[in-house]
C-alpha atoms as a PDB file:
ATOM      1  CA  MET A   1      35.883 258.560  86.145  1.00  0.00           C
ATOM      2  CA  ARG A   2      34.821 255.150  85.033  1.00  0.00           C
ATOM      3  CA  SER A   3      32.616 252.823  87.081  1.00  0.00           C
ATOM      4  CA  GLY A   4      33.495 249.515  88.603  1.00  0.00           C
ATOM      5  CA  GLY A   5      31.539 246.243  88.431  1.00  0.00           C
ATOM      6  CA  GLY A   6      30.590 245.038  91.873  1.00  0.00           C
ATOM      7  CA  VAL A   7      28.481 241.926  92.668  1.00  0.00           C
ATOM      8  CA  SER A   8      25.714 241.876  95.117  1.00  0.00           C
ATOM      9  CA  ALA A   9      25.147 239.246  97.783  1.00  0.00           C
ATOM     10  CA  SER A  10      22.290 237.759  95.667  1.00  0.00           C
ATOM     11  CA  GLY A  11      24.748 237.124  92.867  1.00  0.00           C
ATOM     12  CA  GLY A  12      23.509 239.903  90.563  1.00  0.00           C
ATOM     13  CA  ALA A  13      25.496 242.884  89.348  1.00  0.00           C
ATOM     14  CA  GLU A  14      25.590 245.674  91.937  1.00  0.00           C
ATOM     15  CA  ALA A  15      24.915 249.114  90.528  1.00  0.00           C
ATOM     16  CA  PRO A  16      27.919 251.503  91.008  1.00  0.00           C
ATOM     17  CA  ALA A  17      27.426 254.168  93.675  1.00  0.00           C
ATOM     18  CA  GLN A  18      27.422 257.799  92.678  1.00  0.00           C
ATOM     19  CA  ALA A  19      30.589 259.590  93.764  1.00  0.00           C
ATOM     20  CA  SER A  20      31.007 263.243  94.674  1.00  0.00           C
ATOM     21  CA  LEU A  21      33.250 265.623  92.699  1.00  0.00           C
ATOM     22  CA  LEU A  22      35.840 265.337  95.531  1.00  0.00           C
ATOM     23  CA  HIS A  23      36.190 261.605  95.257  1.00  0.00           C
ATOM     24  CA  PRO A  24      39.857 260.629  94.776  1.00  0.00           C
ATOM     25  CA  ALA A  25      39.246 259.442  91.263  1.00  0.00           C
ATOM     26  CA  ASN A  26      37.765 262.824  90.259  1.00  0.00           C
ATOM     27  CA  LEU A  27      40.600 264.625  92.109  1.00  0.00           C
ATOM     28  CA  LEU A  28      43.136 262.856  89.943  1.00  0.00           C
ATOM     29  CA  THR A  29      41.311 263.983  86.856  1.00  0.00           C
ATOM     30  CA  LEU A  30      41.107 267.551  88.192  1.00  0.00           C
ATOM     31  CA  ALA A  31      44.811 267.440  88.888  1.00  0.00           C
ATOM     32  CA  ARG A  32      45.432 266.576  85.262  1.00  0.00           C
ATOM     33  CA  LEU A  33      43.464 269.684  84.194  1.00  0.00           C
ATOM     34  CA  LEU A  34      45.152 271.950  86.711  1.00  0.00           C
ATOM     35  CA  PHE A  35      48.675 270.911  85.721  1.00  0.00           C
ATOM     36  CA  ALA A  36      47.939 271.119  81.975  1.00  0.00           C
ATOM     37  CA  PRO A  37      49.012 274.800  81.716  1.00  0.00           C
ATOM     38  CA  VAL A  38      52.341 273.964  83.496  1.00  0.00           C
ATOM     39  CA  LEU A  39      52.963 271.315  80.894  1.00  0.00           C
ATOM     40  CA  PHE A  40      52.264 273.745  78.072  1.00  0.00           C
ATOM     41  CA  LEU A  41      54.519 276.314  79.580  1.00  0.00           C
ATOM     42  CA  LEU A  42      57.385 273.858  79.963  1.00  0.00           C
ATOM     43  CA  ILE A  43      57.081 272.895  76.321  1.00  0.00           C
ATOM     44  CA  LEU A  44      56.995 276.519  75.147  1.00  0.00           C
ATOM     45  CA  GLN A  45      59.953 277.459  77.368  1.00  0.00           C
ATOM     46  CA  ALA A  46      62.069 274.683  75.789  1.00  0.00           C
ATOM     47  CA  GLU A  47      61.893 276.445  72.465  1.00  0.00           C
ATOM     48  CA  GLN A  48      65.593 276.017  71.662  1.00  0.00           C
ATOM     49  CA  SER A  49      65.205 272.234  71.904  1.00  0.00           C
ATOM     50  CA  ARG A  50      61.844 272.411  70.098  1.00  0.00           C
ATOM     51  CA  GLY A  51      59.753 271.617  73.150  1.00  0.00           C
ATOM     52  CA  ALA A  52      61.885 268.693  74.439  1.00  0.00           C
ATOM     53  CA  SER A  53      62.805 268.829  78.085  1.00  0.00           C
ATOM     54  CA  TRP A  54      63.045 266.313  80.960  1.00  0.00           C
ATOM     55  CA  ALA A  55      60.738 268.500  83.103  1.00  0.00           C
ATOM     56  CA  ALA A  56      58.022 268.422  80.443  1.00  0.00           C
ATOM     57  CA  PHE A  57      58.542 264.689  79.887  1.00  0.00           C
ATOM     58  CA  GLY A  58      58.403 263.884  83.578  1.00  0.00           C
ATOM     59  CA  LEU A  59      55.249 265.912  84.075  1.00  0.00           C
ATOM     60  CA  GLY A  60      53.639 264.435  81.007  1.00  0.00           C
ATOM     61  CA  VAL A  61      54.281 260.910  82.190  1.00  0.00           C
ATOM     62  CA  ALA A  62      52.918 261.793  85.583  1.00  0.00           C
ATOM     63  CA  MET A  63      49.787 263.170  84.080  1.00  0.00           C
ATOM     64  CA  ALA A  64      49.329 260.084  81.874  1.00  0.00           C
ATOM     65  CA  GLY A  65      49.596 258.074  85.121  1.00  0.00           C
ATOM     66  CA  THR A  66      46.634 259.975  86.596  1.00  0.00           C
ATOM     67  CA  ASP A  67      44.577 259.069  83.482  1.00  0.00           C
ATOM     68  CA  PHE A  68      45.243 255.395  84.271  1.00  0.00           C
ATOM     69  CA  PHE A  69      44.766 255.515  88.036  1.00  0.00           C
ATOM     70  CA  ASP A  70      41.563 257.566  88.126  1.00  0.00           C
ATOM     71  CA  GLY A  71      39.750 254.763  86.348  1.00  0.00           C
ATOM     72  CA  ARG A  72      41.421 252.129  88.500  1.00  0.00           C
ATOM     73  CA  VAL A  73      40.433 253.946  91.709  1.00  0.00           C
ATOM     74  CA  ALA A  74      36.802 254.239  90.464  1.00  0.00           C
ATOM     75  CA  ARG A  75      36.625 250.501  89.590  1.00  0.00           C
ATOM     76  CA  ARG A  76      38.052 249.434  92.972  1.00  0.00           C
ATOM     77  CA  ALA A  77      35.510 251.565  94.811  1.00  0.00           C
ATOM     78  CA  ASN A  78      32.740 250.577  92.368  1.00  0.00           C
ATOM     79  CA  VAL A  79      31.656 254.184  91.971  1.00  0.00           C
ATOM     80  CA  THR A  80      30.779 256.414  89.011  1.00  0.00           C
ATOM     81  CA  SER A  81      29.772 260.065  88.707  1.00  0.00           C
ATOM     82  CA  ARG A  82      28.364 262.267  86.047  1.00  0.00           C
ATOM     83  CA  SER A  83      31.041 264.871  86.739  1.00  0.00           C
ATOM     84  CA  GLY A  84      33.769 262.286  86.302  1.00  0.00           C
ATOM     85  CA  ALA A  85      32.218 261.050  83.024  1.00  0.00           C
ATOM     86  CA  PHE A  86      32.387 264.630  81.794  1.00  0.00           C
ATOM     87  CA  LEU A  87      35.775 265.688  83.251  1.00  0.00           C
ATOM     88  CA  ASP A  88      37.880 262.600  82.181  1.00  0.00           C
ATOM     89  CA  PRO A  89      37.467 263.040  78.424  1.00  0.00           C
ATOM     90  CA  LEU A  90      37.671 266.743  78.778  1.00  0.00           C
ATOM     91  CA  ALA A  91      40.981 266.473  80.536  1.00  0.00           C
ATOM     92  CA  ASP A  92      42.246 264.056  77.838  1.00  0.00           C
ATOM     93  CA  LYS A  93      41.365 266.539  75.076  1.00  0.00           C
ATOM     94  CA  VAL A  94      42.762 269.581  76.869  1.00  0.00           C
ATOM     95  CA  VAL A  95      46.096 267.935  77.552  1.00  0.00           C
ATOM     96  CA  VAL A  96      46.509 266.196  74.202  1.00  0.00           C
ATOM     97  CA  LEU A  97      45.449 269.072  71.987  1.00  0.00           C
ATOM     98  CA  GLY A  98      47.102 271.748  74.143  1.00  0.00           C
ATOM     99  CA  ALA A  99      50.411 269.989  74.155  1.00  0.00           C
ATOM    100  CA  ALA A 100      50.206 269.212  70.464  1.00  0.00           C
ATOM    101  CA  PHE A 101      49.587 272.848  69.490  1.00  0.00           C
ATOM    102  CA  CYS A 102      52.457 273.921  71.759  1.00  0.00           C
ATOM    103  CA  LEU A 103      54.675 271.525  69.845  1.00  0.00           C
ATOM    104  CA  VAL A 104      53.439 273.172  66.663  1.00  0.00           C
ATOM    105  CA  ALA A 105      54.308 276.554  68.097  1.00  0.00           C
ATOM    106  CA  VAL A 106      57.933 275.461  68.742  1.00  0.00           C
ATOM    107  CA  GLU A 107      58.124 273.867  65.286  1.00  0.00           C
ATOM    108  CA  ARG A 108      58.340 270.330  66.573  1.00  0.00           C
ATOM    109  CA  TYR A 109      55.073 269.219  64.946  1.00  0.00           C
ATOM    110  CA  TRP A 110      53.583 270.034  61.556  1.00  0.00           C
ATOM    111  CA  TRP A 111      50.270 271.797  61.924  1.00  0.00           C
ATOM    112  CA  VAL A 112      48.308 269.640  59.447  1.00  0.00           C
ATOM    113  CA  PRO A 113      48.116 266.340  61.508  1.00  0.00           C
ATOM    114  CA  VAL A 114      47.538 268.284  64.725  1.00  0.00           C
ATOM    115  CA  THR A 115      44.652 270.151  63.074  1.00  0.00           C
ATOM    116  CA  ILE A 116      43.137 266.893  61.849  1.00  0.00           C
ATOM    117  CA  MET A 117      43.238 265.577  65.445  1.00  0.00           C
ATOM    118  CA  ALA A 118      41.565 268.749  66.772  1.00  0.00           C
ATOM    119  CA  PHE A 119      38.778 268.653  64.201  1.00  0.00           C
ATOM    120  CA  ARG A 120      38.078 265.026  65.084  1.00  0.00           C
ATOM    121  CA  GLU A 121      38.129 265.597  68.843  1.00  0.00           C
ATOM    122  CA  LEU A 122      35.950 268.691  68.771  1.00  0.00           C
ATOM    123  CA  GLY A 123      33.735 267.366  65.998  1.00  0.00           C
ATOM    124  CA  ILE A 124      32.910 264.079  67.758  1.00  0.00           C
ATOM    125  CA  THR A 125      32.284 265.941  71.028  1.00  0.00           C
ATOM    126  CA  ALA A 126      29.808 268.159  69.232  1.00  0.00           C
ATOM    127  CA  TRP A 127      28.345 265.069  67.444  1.00  0.00           C
ATOM    128  CA  ARG A 128      27.712 263.276  70.697  1.00  0.00           C
ATOM    129  CA  ALA A 129      26.256 266.377  72.334  1.00  0.00           C
ATOM    130  CA  ARG A 130      23.850 266.757  69.432  1.00  0.00           C
ATOM    131  CA  TRP A 131      22.541 263.202  69.736  1.00  0.00           C
ATOM    132  CA  ALA A 132      22.405 263.458  73.511  1.00  0.00           C
ATOM    133  CA  GLY A 133      20.188 266.470  73.075  1.00  0.00           C
ATOM    134  CA  GLU A 134      17.823 264.206  71.184  1.00  0.00           C
ATOM    135  CA  GLY A 135      17.938 261.555  73.904  1.00  0.00           C
ATOM    136  CA  VAL A 136      20.307 259.240  72.019  1.00  0.00           C
ATOM    137  CA  SER A 137      23.204 258.103  74.208  1.00  0.00           C
ATOM    138  CA  ILE A 138      26.452 257.100  72.426  1.00  0.00           C
ATOM    139  CA  PRO A 139      28.614 255.168  74.955  1.00  0.00           C
ATOM    140  CA  ALA A 140      32.350 255.678  75.104  1.00  0.00           C
ATOM    141  CA  ARG A 141      34.340 253.033  73.214  1.00  0.00           C
ATOM    142  CA  ARG A 142      37.282 251.138  74.691  1.00  0.00           C
ATOM    143  CA  SER A 143      39.125 251.943  71.493  1.00  0.00           C
ATOM    144  CA  ALA A 144      38.884 255.627  72.398  1.00  0.00           C
ATOM    145  CA  LYS A 145      41.052 254.974  75.442  1.00  0.00           C
ATOM    146  CA  TYR A 146      43.546 253.166  73.293  1.00  0.00           C
ATOM    147  CA  LYS A 147      43.479 256.240  70.996  1.00  0.00           C
ATOM    148  CA  THR A 148      44.273 258.506  73.840  1.00  0.00           C
ATOM    149  CA  SER A 149      47.149 256.254  74.926  1.00  0.00           C
ATOM    150  CA  VAL A 150      48.674 256.308  71.449  1.00  0.00           C
ATOM    151  CA  GLN A 151      48.286 260.134  71.369  1.00  0.00           C
ATOM    152  CA  ALA A 152      49.981 260.316  74.746  1.00  0.00           C
ATOM    153  CA  LEU A 153      52.818 258.093  73.659  1.00  0.00           C
ATOM    154  CA  ALA A 154      53.419 260.238  70.530  1.00  0.00           C
ATOM    155  CA  LEU A 155      53.540 263.399  72.662  1.00  0.00           C
ATOM    156  CA  ALA A 156      55.836 261.797  75.189  1.00  0.00           C
ATOM    157  CA  MET A 157      58.246 260.847  72.443  1.00  0.00           C
ATOM    158  CA  ALA A 158      58.138 264.403  71.051  1.00  0.00           C
ATOM    159  CA  ILE A 159      59.096 265.972  74.344  1.00  0.00           C
ATOM    160  CA  MET A 160      61.779 263.398  75.271  1.00  0.00           C
ATOM    161  CA  PRO A 161      65.161 265.032  74.927  1.00  0.00           C
ATOM    162  CA  THR A 162      66.874 261.858  73.747  1.00  0.00           C
ATOM    163  CA  LEU A 163      64.579 261.859  70.636  1.00  0.00           C
ATOM    164  CA  GLU A 164      65.210 265.556  69.931  1.00  0.00           C
ATOM    165  CA  GLU A 165      66.724 264.849  66.464  1.00  0.00           C
ATOM    166  CA  ALA A 166      64.507 261.852  65.530  1.00  0.00           C
ATOM    167  CA  ASP A 167      62.205 263.849  63.313  1.00  0.00           C
ATOM    168  CA  LEU A 168      61.180 260.919  61.121  1.00  0.00           C
ATOM    169  CA  VAL A 169      60.357 258.703  64.035  1.00  0.00           C
ATOM    170  CA  LEU A 170      58.276 261.506  65.694  1.00  0.00           C
ATOM    171  CA  ALA A 171      56.477 262.182  62.444  1.00  0.00           C
ATOM    172  CA  ILE A 172      55.521 258.530  62.018  1.00  0.00           C
ATOM    173  CA  ALA A 173      54.342 258.330  65.674  1.00  0.00           C
ATOM    174  CA  LEU A 174      52.235 261.436  65.229  1.00  0.00           C
ATOM    175  CA  TRP A 175      50.577 260.058  62.016  1.00  0.00           C
ATOM    176  CA  VAL A 176      49.852 256.775  63.703  1.00  0.00           C
ATOM    177  CA  ALA A 177      48.076 258.738  66.447  1.00  0.00           C
ATOM    178  CA  VAL A 178      46.153 260.657  63.822  1.00  0.00           C
ATOM    179  CA  ALA A 179      45.076 257.369  62.229  1.00  0.00           C
ATOM    180  CA  PHE A 180      43.749 256.061  65.533  1.00  0.00           C
ATOM    181  CA  THR A 181      41.985 259.370  66.075  1.00  0.00           C
ATOM    182  CA  VAL A 182      40.255 259.390  62.746  1.00  0.00           C
ATOM    183  CA  VAL A 183      39.299 255.684  62.867  1.00  0.00           C
ATOM    184  CA  THR A 184      37.736 255.952  66.310  1.00  0.00           C
ATOM    185  CA  GLY A 185      35.888 259.080  65.140  1.00  0.00           C
ATOM    186  CA  LEU A 186      34.359 257.095  62.280  1.00  0.00           C
ATOM    187  CA  GLN A 187      33.427 254.341  64.774  1.00  0.00           C
ATOM    188  CA  TYR A 188      31.503 256.879  66.871  1.00  0.00           C
ATOM    189  CA  MET A 189      29.584 258.075  63.810  1.00  0.00           C
ATOM    190  CA  LEU A 190      28.562 254.541  62.999  1.00  0.00           C
ATOM    191  CA  ASP A 191      27.626 253.894  66.630  1.00  0.00           C
ATOM    192  CA  SER A 192      25.389 256.987  66.586  1.00  0.00           C
ATOM    193  CA  ARG A 193      23.426 255.514  63.713  1.00  0.00           C
ATOM    194  CA  SER A 194      22.925 252.266  65.525  1.00  0.00           C
ATOM    195  CA  ALA A 195      21.967 254.065  68.762  1.00  0.00           C
ATOM    196  CA  ARG A 196      19.501 256.163  66.913  1.00  0.00           C
ATOM    197  CA  ALA A 197      17.901 253.176  65.283  1.00  0.00           C
ATOM    198  CA  ARG A 198      17.575 251.496  68.717  1.00  0.00           C
ATOM    199  CA  SER A 199      16.061 254.605  70.165  1.00  0.00           C
ATOM    200  CA  ARG A 200      13.457 254.780  67.338  1.00  0.00           C
ATOM    201  CA  SER A 201      12.661 251.103  67.817  1.00  0.00           C
ATOM    202  CA  LYS A 202      12.025 251.637  71.561  1.00  0.00           C
ATOM    203  CA  ASN A 203       9.819 254.587  70.880  1.00  0.00           C
ATOM    204  CA  GLN A 204       7.695 252.589  68.445  1.00  0.00           C
ATOM    205  CA  THR A 205       7.076 249.773  70.913  1.00  0.00           C
END
């Protein structure tokens, strides 16, 4: 869940309220996690069409919609939550990587680009956790949401039955998603260096 930006009566920025786990924005994120295994099963069951099926496509689009609306709901209510900040990127990674590896299993995707994406996602998560343990916060980038959108588009194309034979188009879309994934990962690594420098500067003052 992402926070909104309210304004107080005095004209200053109003701090977002803390939301519970059962806030509608968090429930949308939880729904994405709960329906992820269903999406994976639909892809695997469509093995004869290499993972492409209208059921999987429809569910995938619906799940992508929850990723958009959970942030919109949070901003309208001007709320944020630690659980939402943790669950939202977790749900993104579970859905994207799970669906991608299912497409590898049904021979729709080549394992190399999917493995690159997985290493980046898990590696940056571990990288941010490491710095968080040292008290250095690396904020999420807007480009990371664009990256997730590009990944979701590539996956949606791969499970759309009308593109079942468009192997070249799907391969290009996948590699574009990989490029976004790698570039944003490098951005996070650069951000961590800047954040660490700022943290050291504060400690010295």
